[in-house]
Amino acid sequence: MQKYVNVLAAATIMATSALAPIEAQAFSGNRPATTSDVTLAATQPKQVAEKFKRRVVRLVTDEKPGTIIIDTNNKFLYYVEGNNRATRYGVGVGREGFGWSGVVKIGRKEEWPSWRPPAEMRAREAKKGHMLPVVQEGGVDNPLGARAMYLFKGGRDTIFRIHGTNQPWTIGLNMSSGCIRMMNKDVEHLYERADIGSKVIVVGPGNKQGDVSFEDRGIDILRTILGG
């Protein structure tokens, strides 16, 4: 049985300035057929909701410490610490038709990863006049951001990743092609804590993750203030 408590924090807004020319994702919802998978950052708001800032929360779950639980409905990623505590991060998730669920593992990790858009994406974009590179080397303009954790199932790459983004304003939105996006500072924080082989539970469409129980009981104020 799945249990969710979506904890609302103060509704203040944080301005950000990290921009890049393109991002290999698109908006969810009804869009014209000519809409590109490449979104121009300069045309989008430069804001991230306060509730998606990294927080230590009280999380009741029977999952082991080191497990990652991704709640795609509420756009939160939890790193389970044990003793009913977890670090909660805001994330961006798959747009309509690209959401998924399941239990996977971190198969490998990479700092400042290169980006290799799939052939079908390059072909789709070429028809719209957008020529994507076969490979884009890592760096501040790379859509995968500062870090990437590659998700594997049965020893095989699922093609989905937990990665950073050069467009932090997309956090909290359904915009990706299935990958889990984090702000660069957050993905760097998680990267240092999550090991290769870590269990990742993605709670989303189809309930293919099976039964998972977790309840977010809100911010652990003392540990958040002390940085614990």
Foldseek 3Di string as FASTA:
>chain_A
DEDEDQDDDDFDKDFDDQAAQWAQKFAADDDDPLDARIDGLVVDGRIDTPVQAKFKFQKDWPDDQLAWEAEQVQQWIWRDHDPRITIIHFKEFAHPPQEDWAKWFQADKDFQAKDADDPVNQVSVVVSVDHDDRIGGGDSNHQQAGMWGFTHDPNHTPVEIEGEGSRQRNGRHNMGNGHIYGHNVVVVVVVVRRDGGHMYGYCDPPRRHPDTYMYTPTGPVVCRVVVD
